[in-house]
């Protein structure tokens, strides 16, 4: 199971963590301006 998460703001972290805990592969697509945002985990 793979989920593509598209974010224009630094948000949705809890949702992505829940998906990972369920064993899903999570791909995060965001703008280059958020490349160095404080994403707490690599997806």
Protein backbone atom coordinates (compact mmCIF):
# COMPACT_ATOMS: atom_id res chain seq x y z
CA UNK A 1 0.00 0.00 0.00
CA UNK A 2 1.48 3.35 -1.05
CA UNK A 3 0.14 6.82 -0.29
CA UNK A 4 1.18 9.99 -2.10
CA UNK A 5 0.79 12.95 0.26
CA UNK A 6 0.83 16.41 -1.31
CA UNK A 7 1.45 19.32 1.05
CA UNK A 8 1.68 23.04 0.41
CA UNK A 9 2.27 23.71 4.11
CA UNK A 10 4.19 21.87 6.81
CA UNK A 11 1.23 19.84 8.06
CA UNK A 12 -0.21 16.33 8.07
CA UNK A 13 2.62 14.79 10.06
CA UNK A 14 0.34 12.77 12.38
CA UNK A 15 -1.53 11.34 9.38
CA UNK A 16 1.69 10.27 7.68
CA UNK A 17 3.03 8.69 10.87
CA UNK A 18 -0.22 6.73 11.28
CA UNK A 19 0.11 5.44 7.72
CA UNK A 20 3.70 4.35 8.36
CA UNK A 21 2.63 2.51 11.54
CA UNK A 22 0.08 0.63 9.43
CA UNK A 23 2.92 -0.46 7.15
CA UNK A 24 2.18 1.85 4.26
CA UNK A 25 4.84 3.38 2.03
CA UNK A 26 4.44 7.17 2.27
CA UNK A 27 5.70 9.53 -0.43
CA UNK A 28 5.67 13.23 0.41
CA UNK A 29 5.48 15.73 -2.44
CA UNK A 30 5.84 19.39 -1.53
CA UNK A 31 7.18 22.64 -2.93
CA UNK A 32 10.88 23.36 -3.04
CA UNK A 33 10.34 26.22 -0.58
CA UNK A 34 9.54 23.58 2.08
CA UNK A 35 12.55 21.43 1.27
CA UNK A 36 14.29 22.42 4.50
CA UNK A 37 11.16 22.55 6.65
CA UNK A 38 11.22 20.78 9.98
CA UNK A 39 9.72 17.50 8.76
CA UNK A 40 10.12 15.26 11.78
CA UNK A 41 10.61 12.02 9.88
CA UNK A 42 11.78 11.10 6.42
CA UNK A 43 9.04 9.59 4.27
